[in-house]
Amino acid sequence: KVVYGMGIEKYDFEGRMIRADFGDKS
């Protein structure tokens, strides 16, 4: 799974965070 942003518009507008899940680790 890949999650783009934190779901907070003012931060996601600036492309601040991305998360990738591998099994039980992220």
mmCIF file of all heavy atoms, coordinates in Angstrom:
data_MODEL
# 
_entry.id   MODEL 
# 
loop_
_atom_site.group_PDB 
_atom_site.id 
_atom_site.type_symbol 
_atom_site.label_atom_id 
_atom_site.label_alt_id 
_atom_site.label_comp_id 
_atom_site.label_asym_id 
_atom_site.label_entity_id 
_atom_site.label_seq_id 
_atom_site.pdbx_PDB_ins_code 
_atom_site.Cartn_x 
_atom_site.Cartn_y 
_atom_site.Cartn_z 
_atom_site.occupancy 
_atom_site.B_iso_or_equiv 
_atom_site.pdbx_formal_charge 
_atom_site.auth_seq_id 
_atom_site.auth_comp_id 
_atom_site.auth_asym_id 
_atom_site.auth_atom_id 
_atom_site.pdbx_PDB_model_num 
ATOM 1   N N   . LYS A 1 1  ? 0.846  -1.188 0.000  1.00 0.00 ? 1  LYS A N   1 
ATOM 2   C CA  . LYS A 1 1  ? 0.000  0.000  0.000  1.00 0.00 ? 1  LYS A CA  1 
ATOM 3   C C   . LYS A 1 1  ? 0.878  1.234  0.000  1.00 0.00 ? 1  LYS A C   1 
ATOM 4   O O   . LYS A 1 1  ? 1.936  1.245  0.624  1.00 0.00 ? 1  LYS A O   1 
ATOM 5   C CB  . LYS A 1 1  ? -0.901 0.001  1.242  1.00 0.00 ? 1  LYS A CB  1 
ATOM 6   C CG  . LYS A 1 1  ? -1.859 1.175  1.360  1.00 0.00 ? 1  LYS A CG  1 
ATOM 7   C CD  . LYS A 1 1  ? -2.690 1.049  2.640  1.00 0.00 ? 1  LYS A CD  1 
ATOM 8   C CE  . LYS A 1 1  ? -3.674 2.192  2.786  1.00 0.00 ? 1  LYS A CE  1 
ATOM 9   N NZ  . LYS A 1 1  ? -4.479 2.058  4.039  1.00 0.00 ? 1  LYS A NZ  1 
ATOM 10  N N   . VAL A 1 2  ? 0.444  2.276  -0.694 1.00 0.00 ? 2  VAL A N   1 
ATOM 11  C CA  . VAL A 1 2  ? 1.132  3.562  -0.675 1.00 0.00 ? 2  VAL A CA  1 
ATOM 12  C C   . VAL A 1 2  ? 0.122  4.632  -0.279 1.00 0.00 ? 2  VAL A C   1 
ATOM 13  O O   . VAL A 1 2  ? -0.983 4.689  -0.835 1.00 0.00 ? 2  VAL A O   1 
ATOM 14  C CB  . VAL A 1 2  ? 1.763  3.897  -2.040 1.00 0.00 ? 2  VAL A CB  1 
ATOM 15  C CG1 . VAL A 1 2  ? 2.413  5.280  -2.009 1.00 0.00 ? 2  VAL A CG1 1 
ATOM 16  C CG2 . VAL A 1 2  ? 2.793  2.838  -2.424 1.00 0.00 ? 2  VAL A CG2 1 
ATOM 17  N N   . VAL A 1 3  ? 0.504  5.466  0.677  1.00 0.00 ? 3  VAL A N   1 
ATOM 18  C CA  . VAL A 1 3  ? -0.364 6.542  1.158  1.00 0.00 ? 3  VAL A CA  1 
ATOM 19  C C   . VAL A 1 3  ? 0.316  7.872  0.839  1.00 0.00 ? 3  VAL A C   1 
ATOM 20  O O   . VAL A 1 3  ? 1.468  8.100  1.218  1.00 0.00 ? 3  VAL A O   1 
ATOM 21  C CB  . VAL A 1 3  ? -0.618 6.418  2.673  1.00 0.00 ? 3  VAL A CB  1 
ATOM 22  C CG1 . VAL A 1 3  ? -1.463 7.591  3.172  1.00 0.00 ? 3  VAL A CG1 1 
ATOM 23  C CG2 . VAL A 1 3  ? -1.305 5.094  2.993  1.00 0.00 ? 3  VAL A CG2 1 
ATOM 24  N N   . TYR A 1 4  ? -0.408 8.737  0.154  1.00 0.00 ? 4  TYR A N   1 
ATOM 25  C CA  . TYR A 1 4  ? 0.126  10.019 -0.280 1.00 0.00 ? 4  TYR A CA  1 
ATOM 26  C C   . TYR A 1 4  ? -0.386 11.123 0.641  1.00 0.00 ? 4  TYR A C   1 
ATOM 27  O O   . TYR A 1 4  ? -1.574 11.457 0.620  1.00 0.00 ? 4  TYR A O   1 
ATOM 28  C CB  . TYR A 1 4  ? -0.288 10.303 -1.725 1.00 0.00 ? 4  TYR A CB  1 
ATOM 29  C CG  . TYR A 1 4  ? 0.243  9.282  -2.718 1.00 0.00 ? 4  TYR A CG  1 
ATOM 30  C CD1 . TYR A 1 4  ? -0.456 8.099  -2.955 1.00 0.00 ? 4  TYR A CD1 1 
ATOM 31  C CD2 . TYR A 1 4  ? 1.438  9.498  -3.391 1.00 0.00 ? 4  TYR A CD2 1 
ATOM 32  C CE1 . TYR A 1 4  ? 0.022  7.160  -3.855 1.00 0.00 ? 4  TYR A CE1 1 
ATOM 33  C CE2 . TYR A 1 4  ? 1.918  8.564  -4.299 1.00 0.00 ? 4  TYR A CE2 1 
ATOM 34  C CZ  . TYR A 1 4  ? 1.215  7.399  -4.521 1.00 0.00 ? 4  TYR A CZ  1 
ATOM 35  O OH  . TYR A 1 4  ? 1.694  6.456  -5.417 1.00 0.00 ? 4  TYR A OH  1 
ATOM 36  N N   . GLY A 1 5  ? 0.496  11.664 1.470  1.00 0.00 ? 5  GLY A N   1 
ATOM 37  C CA  . GLY A 1 5  ? 0.121  12.757 2.346  1.00 0.00 ? 5  GLY A CA  1 
ATOM 38  C C   . GLY A 1 5  ? -0.500 12.308 3.651  1.00 0.00 ? 5  GLY A C   1 
ATOM 39  O O   . GLY A 1 5  ? -0.721 11.115 3.902  1.00 0.00 ? 5  GLY A O   1 
ATOM 40  N N   . MET A 1 6  ? -0.804 13.311 4.494  1.00 0.00 ? 6  MET A N   1 
ATOM 41  C CA  . MET A 1 6  ? -1.386 13.063 5.813  1.00 0.00 ? 6  MET A CA  1 
ATOM 42  C C   . MET A 1 6  ? -2.884 13.307 5.831  1.00 0.00 ? 6  MET A C   1 
ATOM 43  O O   . MET A 1 6  ? -3.518 13.147 6.868  1.00 0.00 ? 6  MET A O   1 
ATOM 44  C CB  . MET A 1 6  ? -0.730 13.959 6.865  1.00 0.00 ? 6  MET A CB  1 
ATOM 45  C CG  . MET A 1 6  ? 0.741  13.695 7.090  1.00 0.00 ? 6  MET A CG  1 
ATOM 46  S SD  . MET A 1 6  ? 1.332  14.386 8.670  1.00 0.00 ? 6  MET A SD  1 
ATOM 47  C CE  . MET A 1 6  ? 0.893  16.114 8.514  1.00 0.00 ? 6  MET A CE  1 
ATOM 48  N N   . GLY A 1 7  ? -3.444 13.747 4.710  1.00 0.00 ? 7  GLY A N   1 
ATOM 49  C CA  . GLY A 1 7  ? -4.864 14.069 4.705  1.00 0.00 ? 7  GLY A CA  1 
ATOM 50  C C   . GLY A 1 7  ? -5.157 15.448 5.274  1.00 0.00 ? 7  GLY A C   1 
ATOM 51  O O   . GLY A 1 7  ? -6.299 15.740 5.633  1.00 0.00 ? 7  GLY A O   1 
ATOM 52  N N   . ILE A 1 8  ? -4.119 16.301 5.355  1.00 0.00 ? 8  ILE A N   1 
ATOM 53  C CA  . ILE A 1 8  ? -4.279 17.682 5.807  1.00 0.00 ? 8  ILE A CA  1 
ATOM 54  C C   . ILE A 1 8  ? -3.881 18.577 4.638  1.00 0.00 ? 8  ILE A C   1 
ATOM 55  O O   . ILE A 1 8  ? -2.718 18.605 4.225  1.00 0.00 ? 8  ILE A O   1 
ATOM 56  C CB  . ILE A 1 8  ? -3.419 17.978 7.050  1.00 0.00 ? 8  ILE A CB  1 
ATOM 57  C CG1 . ILE A 1 8  ? -3.805 17.034 8.191  1.00 0.00 ? 8  ILE A CG1 1 
ATOM 58  C CG2 . ILE A 1 8  ? -3.567 19.439 7.480  1.00 0.00 ? 8  ILE A CG2 1 
ATOM 59  C CD1 . ILE A 1 8  ? -2.936 17.168 9.428  1.00 0.00 ? 8  ILE A CD1 1 
ATOM 60  N N   . GLU A 1 9  ? -4.833 19.294 4.086  1.00 0.00 ? 9  GLU A N   1 
ATOM 61  C CA  . GLU A 1 9  ? -4.657 19.964 2.797  1.00 0.00 ? 9  GLU A CA  1 
ATOM 62  C C   . GLU A 1 9  ? -3.457 20.895 2.748  1.00 0.00 ? 9  GLU A C   1 
ATOM 63  O O   . GLU A 1 9  ? -2.686 20.892 1.777  1.00 0.00 ? 9  GLU A O   1 
ATOM 64  C CB  . GLU A 1 9  ? -5.925 20.736 2.439  1.00 0.00 ? 9  GLU A CB  1 
ATOM 65  C CG  . GLU A 1 9  ? -5.871 21.380 1.055  1.00 0.00 ? 9  GLU A CG  1 
ATOM 66  C CD  . GLU A 1 9  ? -7.171 22.082 0.691  1.00 0.00 ? 9  GLU A CD  1 
ATOM 67  O OE1 . GLU A 1 9  ? -8.101 22.073 1.519  1.00 0.00 ? 9  GLU A OE1 1 
ATOM 68  O OE2 . GLU A 1 9  ? -7.238 22.642 -0.421 1.00 0.00 ? 9  GLU A OE2 1 
ATOM 69  N N   . LYS A 1 10 ? -3.265 21.708 3.785  1.00 0.00 ? 10 LYS A N   1 
ATOM 70  C CA  . LYS A 1 10 ? -2.188 22.713 3.723  1.00 0.00 ? 10 LYS A CA  1 
ATOM 71  C C   . LYS A 1 10 ? -0.808 22.072 3.668  1.00 0.00 ? 10 LYS A C   1 
ATOM 72  O O   . LYS A 1 10 ? 0.145  22.677 3.170  1.00 0.00 ? 10 LYS A O   1 
ATOM 73  C CB  . LYS A 1 10 ? -2.289 23.681 4.896  1.00 0.00 ? 10 LYS A CB  1 
ATOM 74  C CG  . LYS A 1 10 ? -2.091 23.066 6.266  1.00 0.00 ? 10 LYS A CG  1 
ATOM 75  C CD  . LYS A 1 10 ? -2.201 24.133 7.352  1.00 0.00 ? 10 LYS A CD  1 
ATOM 76  C CE  . LYS A 1 10 ? -2.049 23.548 8.751  1.00 0.00 ? 10 LYS A CE  1 
ATOM 77  N NZ  . LYS A 1 10 ? -2.130 24.600 9.799  1.00 0.00 ? 10 LYS A NZ  1 
ATOM 78  N N   . TYR A 1 11 ? -0.685 20.855 4.188  1.00 0.00 ? 11 TYR A N   1 
ATOM 79  C CA  . TYR A 1 11 ? 0.584  20.138 4.120  1.00 0.00 ? 11 TYR A CA  1 
ATOM 80  C C   . TYR A 1 11 ? 0.700  19.320 2.830  1.00 0.00 ? 11 TYR A C   1 
ATOM 81  O O   . TYR A 1 11 ? 1.748  19.305 2.187  1.00 0.00 ? 11 TYR A O   1 
ATOM 82  C CB  . TYR A 1 11 ? 0.748  19.219 5.321  1.00 0.00 ? 11 TYR A CB  1 
ATOM 83  C CG  . TYR A 1 11 ? 0.649  19.911 6.657  1.00 0.00 ? 11 TYR A CG  1 
ATOM 84  C CD1 . TYR A 1 11 ? -0.065 19.348 7.706  1.00 0.00 ? 11 TYR A CD1 1 
ATOM 85  C CD2 . TYR A 1 11 ? 1.272  21.143 6.876  1.00 0.00 ? 11 TYR A CD2 1 
ATOM 86  C CE1 . TYR A 1 11 ? -0.155 19.968 8.941  1.00 0.00 ? 11 TYR A CE1 1 
ATOM 87  C CE2 . TYR A 1 11 ? 1.183  21.782 8.097  1.00 0.00 ? 11 TYR A CE2 1 
ATOM 88  C CZ  . TYR A 1 11 ? 0.466  21.186 9.135  1.00 0.00 ? 11 TYR A CZ  1 
ATOM 89  O OH  . TYR A 1 11 ? 0.375  21.804 10.353 1.00 0.00 ? 11 TYR A OH  1 
ATOM 90  N N   . ASP A 1 12 ? -0.392 18.668 2.474  1.00 0.00 ? 12 ASP A N   1 
ATOM 91  C CA  . ASP A 1 12 ? -0.367 17.838 1.271  1.00 0.00 ? 12 ASP A CA  1 
ATOM 92  C C   . ASP A 1 12 ? -0.183 18.689 0.024  1.00 0.00 ? 12 ASP A C   1 
ATOM 93  O O   . ASP A 1 12 ? 0.379  18.232 -0.974 1.00 0.00 ? 12 ASP A O   1 
ATOM 94  C CB  . ASP A 1 12 ? -1.643 17.004 1.177  1.00 0.00 ? 12 ASP A CB  1 
ATOM 95  C CG  . ASP A 1 12 ? -1.757 15.996 2.321  1.00 0.00 ? 12 ASP A CG  1 
ATOM 96  O OD1 . ASP A 1 12 ? -0.754 15.791 3.032  1.00 0.00 ? 12 ASP A OD1 1 
ATOM 97  O OD2 . ASP A 1 12 ? -2.852 15.430 2.504  1.00 0.00 ? 12 ASP A OD2 1 
ATOM 98  N N   . PHE A 1 13 ? -0.631 19.934 0.076  1.00 0.00 ? 13 PHE A N   1 
ATOM 99  C CA  . PHE A 1 13 ? -0.416 20.879 -1.016 1.00 0.00 ? 13 PHE A CA  1 
ATOM 100 C C   . PHE A 1 13 ? 1.072  21.049 -1.306 1.00 0.00 ? 13 PHE A C   1 
ATOM 101 O O   . PHE A 1 13 ? 1.478  21.284 -2.446 1.00 0.00 ? 13 PHE A O   1 
ATOM 102 C CB  . PHE A 1 13 ? -1.039 22.229 -0.647 1.00 0.00 ? 13 PHE A CB  1 
ATOM 103 C CG  . PHE A 1 13 ? -0.882 23.301 -1.684 1.00 0.00 ? 13 PHE A CG  1 
ATOM 104 C CD1 . PHE A 1 13 ? -1.735 23.375 -2.774 1.00 0.00 ? 13 PHE A CD1 1 
ATOM 105 C CD2 . PHE A 1 13 ? 0.125  24.267 -1.572 1.00 0.00 ? 13 PHE A CD2 1 
ATOM 106 C CE1 . PHE A 1 13 ? -1.597 24.371 -3.738 1.00 0.00 ? 13 PHE A CE1 1 
ATOM 107 C CE2 . PHE A 1 13 ? 0.279  25.257 -2.527 1.00 0.00 ? 13 PHE A CE2 1 
ATOM 108 C CZ  . PHE A 1 13 ? -0.593 25.311 -3.607 1.00 0.00 ? 13 PHE A CZ  1 
ATOM 109 N N   . GLU A 1 14 ? 1.901  20.905 -0.272 1.00 0.00 ? 14 GLU A N   1 
ATOM 110 C CA  . GLU A 1 14 ? 3.343  21.089 -0.412 1.00 0.00 ? 14 GLU A CA  1 
ATOM 111 C C   . GLU A 1 14 ? 4.096  19.779 -0.627 1.00 0.00 ? 14 GLU A C   1 
ATOM 112 O O   . GLU A 1 14 ? 5.331  19.789 -0.711 1.00 0.00 ? 14 GLU A O   1 
ATOM 113 C CB  . GLU A 1 14 ? 3.897  21.818 0.819  1.00 0.00 ? 14 GLU A CB  1 
ATOM 114 C CG  . GLU A 1 14 ? 3.352  23.231 0.971  1.00 0.00 ? 14 GLU A CG  1 
ATOM 115 C CD  . GLU A 1 14 ? 4.076  24.046 2.026  1.00 0.00 ? 14 GLU A CD  1 
ATOM 116 O OE1 . GLU A 1 14 ? 4.999  23.507 2.678  1.00 0.00 ? 14 GLU A OE1 1 
ATOM 117 O OE2 . GLU A 1 14 ? 3.729  25.234 2.185  1.00 0.00 ? 14 GLU A OE2 1 
ATOM 118 N N   . GLY A 1 15 ? 3.385  18.640 -0.694 1.00 0.00 ? 15 GLY A N   1 
ATOM 119 C CA  . GLY A 1 15 ? 4.045  17.362 -0.969 1.00 0.00 ? 15 GLY A CA  1 
ATOM 120 C C   . GLY A 1 15 ? 5.069  16.996 0.080  1.00 0.00 ? 15 GLY A C   1 
ATOM 121 O O   . GLY A 1 15 ? 6.241  16.742 -0.227 1.00 0.00 ? 15 GLY A O   1 
ATOM 122 N N   . ARG A 1 16 ? 4.636  16.926 1.327  1.00 0.00 ? 16 ARG A N   1 
ATOM 123 C CA  . ARG A 1 16 ? 5.559  16.777 2.456  1.00 0.00 ? 16 ARG A CA  1 
ATOM 124 C C   . ARG A 1 16 ? 5.801  15.340 2.902  1.00 0.00 ? 16 ARG A C   1 
ATOM 125 O O   . ARG A 1 16 ? 6.806  15.066 3.557  1.00 0.00 ? 16 ARG A O   1 
ATOM 126 C CB  . ARG A 1 16 ? 5.032  17.584 3.652  1.00 0.00 ? 16 ARG A CB  1 
ATOM 127 C CG  . ARG A 1 16 ? 5.070  19.087 3.448  1.00 0.00 ? 16 ARG A CG  1 
ATOM 128 C CD  . ARG A 1 16 ? 6.430  19.630 3.690  1.00 0.00 ? 16 ARG A CD  1 
ATOM 129 N NE  . ARG A 1 16 ? 6.563  21.028 3.228  1.00 0.00 ? 16 ARG A NE  1 
ATOM 130 C CZ  . ARG A 1 16 ? 7.703  21.647 3.121  1.00 0.00 ? 16 ARG A CZ  1 
ATOM 131 N NH1 . ARG A 1 16 ? 8.821  21.019 3.433  1.00 0.00 ? 16 ARG A NH1 1 
ATOM 132 N NH2 . ARG A 1 16 ? 7.768  22.890 2.700  1.00 0.00 ? 16 ARG A NH2 1 
ATOM 133 N N   . MET A 1 17 ? 4.898  14.398 2.604  1.00 0.00 ? 17 MET A N   1 
ATOM 134 C CA  . MET A 1 17 ? 5.039  13.059 3.170  1.00 0.00 ? 17 MET A CA  1 
ATOM 135 C C   . MET A 1 17 ? 4.415  11.995 2.278  1.00 0.00 ? 17 MET A C   1 
ATOM 136 O O   . MET A 1 17 ? 3.362  12.213 1.688  1.00 0.00 ? 17 MET A O   1 
ATOM 137 C CB  . MET A 1 17 ? 4.358  12.999 4.541  1.00 0.00 ? 17 MET A CB  1 
ATOM 138 C CG  . MET A 1 17 ? 4.715  11.782 5.362  1.00 0.00 ? 17 MET A CG  1 
ATOM 139 S SD  . MET A 1 17 ? 3.321  11.187 6.382  1.00 0.00 ? 17 MET A SD  1 
ATOM 140 C CE  . MET A 1 17 ? 2.341  10.337 5.143  1.00 0.00 ? 17 MET A CE  1 
ATOM 141 N N   . ILE A 1 18 ? 5.076  10.861 2.181  1.00 0.00 ? 18 ILE A N   1 
ATOM 142 C CA  . ILE A 1 18 ? 4.551  9.695  1.480  1.00 0.00 ? 18 ILE A CA  1 
ATOM 143 C C   . ILE A 1 18 ? 4.929  8.458  2.292  1.00 0.00 ? 18 ILE A C   1 
ATOM 144 O O   . ILE A 1 18 ? 6.001  8.413  2.897  1.00 0.00 ? 18 ILE A O   1 
ATOM 145 C CB  . ILE A 1 18 ? 5.085  9.618  0.032  1.00 0.00 ? 18 ILE A CB  1 
ATOM 146 C CG1 . ILE A 1 18 ? 4.429  8.477  -0.736 1.00 0.00 ? 18 ILE A CG1 1 
ATOM 147 C CG2 . ILE A 1 18 ? 6.598  9.499  0.000  1.00 0.00 ? 18 ILE A CG2 1 
ATOM 148 C CD1 . ILE A 1 18 ? 4.767  8.484  -2.231 1.00 0.00 ? 18 ILE A CD1 1 
ATOM 149 N N   . ARG A 1 19 ? 4.023  7.477  2.315  1.00 0.00 ? 19 ARG A N   1 
ATOM 150 C CA  . ARG A 1 19 ? 4.244  6.267  3.120  1.00 0.00 ? 19 ARG A CA  1 
ATOM 151 C C   . ARG A 1 19 ? 4.042  5.030  2.265  1.00 0.00 ? 19 ARG A C   1 
ATOM 152 O O   . ARG A 1 19 ? 3.109  4.955  1.472  1.00 0.00 ? 19 ARG A O   1 
ATOM 153 C CB  . ARG A 1 19 ? 3.248  6.242  4.281  1.00 0.00 ? 19 ARG A CB  1 
ATOM 154 C CG  . ARG A 1 19 ? 3.382  5.066  5.204  1.00 0.00 ? 19 ARG A CG  1 
ATOM 155 C CD  . ARG A 1 19 ? 2.300  5.081  6.274  1.00 0.00 ? 19 ARG A CD  1 
ATOM 156 N NE  . ARG A 1 19 ? 1.333  4.012  6.090  1.00 0.00 ? 19 ARG A NE  1 
ATOM 157 C CZ  . ARG A 1 19 ? 0.024  4.132  6.260  1.00 0.00 ? 19 ARG A CZ  1 
ATOM 158 N NH1 . ARG A 1 19 ? -0.517 5.298  6.582  1.00 0.00 ? 19 ARG A NH1 1 
ATOM 159 N NH2 . ARG A 1 19 ? -0.764 3.089  6.094  1.00 0.00 ? 19 ARG A NH2 1 
ATOM 160 N N   . ALA A 1 20 ? 4.929  4.043  2.450  1.00 0.00 ? 20 ALA A N   1 
ATOM 161 C CA  . ALA A 1 20 ? 4.805  2.751  1.771  1.00 0.00 ? 20 ALA A CA  1 
ATOM 162 C C   . ALA A 1 20 ? 4.782  1.649  2.825  1.00 0.00 ? 20 ALA A C   1 
ATOM 163 O O   . ALA A 1 20 ? 5.635  1.616  3.722  1.00 0.00 ? 20 ALA A O   1 
ATOM 164 C CB  . ALA A 1 20 ? 5.960  2.536  0.798  1.00 0.00 ? 20 ALA A CB  1 
ATOM 165 N N   . ASP A 1 21 ? 3.808  0.749  2.710  1.00 0.00 ? 21 ASP A N   1 
ATOM 166 C CA  . ASP A 1 21 ? 3.667  -0.372 3.639  1.00 0.00 ? 21 ASP A CA  1 
ATOM 167 C C   . ASP A 1 21 ? 4.185  -1.646 2.987  1.00 0.00 ? 21 ASP A C   1 
ATOM 168 O O   . ASP A 1 21 ? 3.815  -1.973 1.850  1.00 0.00 ? 21 ASP A O   1 
ATOM 169 C CB  . ASP A 1 21 ? 2.196  -0.580 4.021  1.00 0.00 ? 21 ASP A CB  1 
ATOM 170 C CG  . ASP A 1 21 ? 1.607  0.599  4.778  1.00 0.00 ? 21 ASP A CG  1 
ATOM 171 O OD1 . ASP A 1 21 ? 2.383  1.413  5.313  1.00 0.00 ? 21 ASP A OD1 1 
ATOM 172 O OD2 . ASP A 1 21 ? 0.358  0.693  4.843  1.00 0.00 ? 21 ASP A OD2 1 
ATOM 173 N N   . PHE A 1 22 ? 5.032  -2.356 3.729  1.00 0.00 ? 22 PHE A N   1 
ATOM 174 C CA  . PHE A 1 22 ? 5.575  -3.643 3.289  1.00 0.00 ? 22 PHE A CA  1 
ATOM 175 C C   . PHE A 1 22 ? 5.279  -4.662 4.389  1.00 0.00 ? 22 PHE A C   1 
ATOM 176 O O   . PHE A 1 22 ? 5.963  -4.669 5.420  1.00 0.00 ? 22 PHE A O   1 
ATOM 177 C CB  . PHE A 1 22 ? 7.086  -3.561 3.063  1.00 0.00 ? 22 PHE A CB  1 
ATOM 178 C CG  . PHE A 1 22 ? 7.526  -2.503 2.088  1.00 0.00 ? 22 PHE A CG  1 
ATOM 179 C CD1 . PHE A 1 22 ? 7.778  -1.202 2.509  1.00 0.00 ? 22 PHE A CD1 1 
ATOM 180 C CD2 . PHE A 1 22 ? 7.705  -2.814 0.752  1.00 0.00 ? 22 PHE A CD2 1 
ATOM 181 C CE1 . PHE A 1 22 ? 8.206  -0.229 1.621  1.00 0.00 ? 22 PHE A CE1 1 
ATOM 182 C CE2 . PHE A 1 22 ? 8.129  -1.848 -0.161 1.00 0.00 ? 22 PHE A CE2 1 
ATOM 183 C CZ  . PHE A 1 22 ? 8.380  -0.557 0.279  1.00 0.00 ? 22 PHE A CZ  1 
ATOM 184 N N   . GLY A 1 23 ? 4.265  -5.483 4.197  1.00 0.00 ? 23 GLY A N   1 
ATOM 185 C CA  . GLY A 1 23 ? 3.892  -6.408 5.258  1.00 0.00 ? 23 GLY A CA  1 
ATOM 186 C C   . GLY A 1 23 ? 3.504  -5.636 6.500  1.00 0.00 ? 23 GLY A C   1 
ATOM 187 O O   . GLY A 1 23 ? 2.687  -4.702 6.445  1.00 0.00 ? 23 GLY A O   1 
ATOM 188 N N   . ASP A 1 24 ? 4.133  -5.983 7.646  1.00 0.00 ? 24 ASP A N   1 
ATOM 189 C CA  . ASP A 1 24 ? 3.803  -5.284 8.893  1.00 0.00 ? 24 ASP A CA  1 
ATOM 190 C C   . ASP A 1 24 ? 4.718  -4.092 9.153  1.00 0.00 ? 24 ASP A C   1 
ATOM 191 O O   . ASP A 1 24 ? 4.697  -3.523 10.247 1.00 0.00 ? 24 ASP A O   1 
ATOM 192 C CB  . ASP A 1 24 ? 3.854  -6.261 10.074 1.00 0.00 ? 24 ASP A CB  1 
ATOM 193 C CG  . ASP A 1 24 ? 5.265  -6.771 10.361 1.00 0.00 ? 24 ASP A CG  1 
ATOM 194 O OD1 . ASP A 1 24 ? 6.151  -6.625 9.485  1.00 0.00 ? 24 ASP A OD1 1 
ATOM 195 O OD2 . ASP A 1 24 ? 5.478  -7.325 11.451 1.00 0.00 ? 24 ASP A OD2 1 
ATOM 196 N N   . LYS A 1 25 ? 5.517  -3.697 8.162  1.00 0.00 ? 25 LYS A N   1 
ATOM 197 C CA  . LYS A 1 25 ? 6.434  -2.570 8.331  1.00 0.00 ? 25 LYS A CA  1 
ATOM 198 C C   . LYS A 1 25 ? 6.088  -1.460 7.342  1.00 0.00 ? 25 LYS A C   1 
ATOM 199 O O   . LYS A 1 25 ? 5.586  -1.721 6.249  1.00 0.00 ? 25 LYS A O   1 
ATOM 200 C CB  . LYS A 1 25 ? 7.881  -3.023 8.140  1.00 0.00 ? 25 LYS A CB  1 
ATOM 201 C CG  . LYS A 1 25 ? 8.305  -4.107 9.143  1.00 0.00 ? 25 LYS A CG  1 
ATOM 202 C CD  . LYS A 1 25 ? 9.698  -4.610 8.858  1.00 0.00 ? 25 LYS A CD  1 
ATOM 203 C CE  . LYS A 1 25 ? 10.106 -5.708 9.840  1.00 0.00 ? 25 LYS A CE  1 
ATOM 204 N NZ  . LYS A 1 25 ? 9.276  -6.937 9.687  1.00 0.00 ? 25 LYS A NZ  1 
ATOM 205 N N   . SER A 1 26 ? 6.382  -0.224 7.749  1.00 0.00 ? 26 SER A N   1 
ATOM 206 C CA  . SER A 1 26 ? 6.099  0.938  6.910  1.00 0.00 ? 26 SER A CA  1 
ATOM 207 C C   . SER A 1 26 ? 7.313  1.845  6.837  1.00 0.00 ? 26 SER A C   1 
ATOM 208 O O   . SER A 1 26 ? 8.040  2.006  7.824  1.00 0.00 ? 26 SER A O   1 
ATOM 209 C CB  . SER A 1 26 ? 4.917  1.738  7.467  1.00 0.00 ? 26 SER A CB  1 
ATOM 210 O OG  . SER A 1 26 ? 3.724  0.990  7.434  1.00 0.00 ? 26 SER A OG  1 
# 
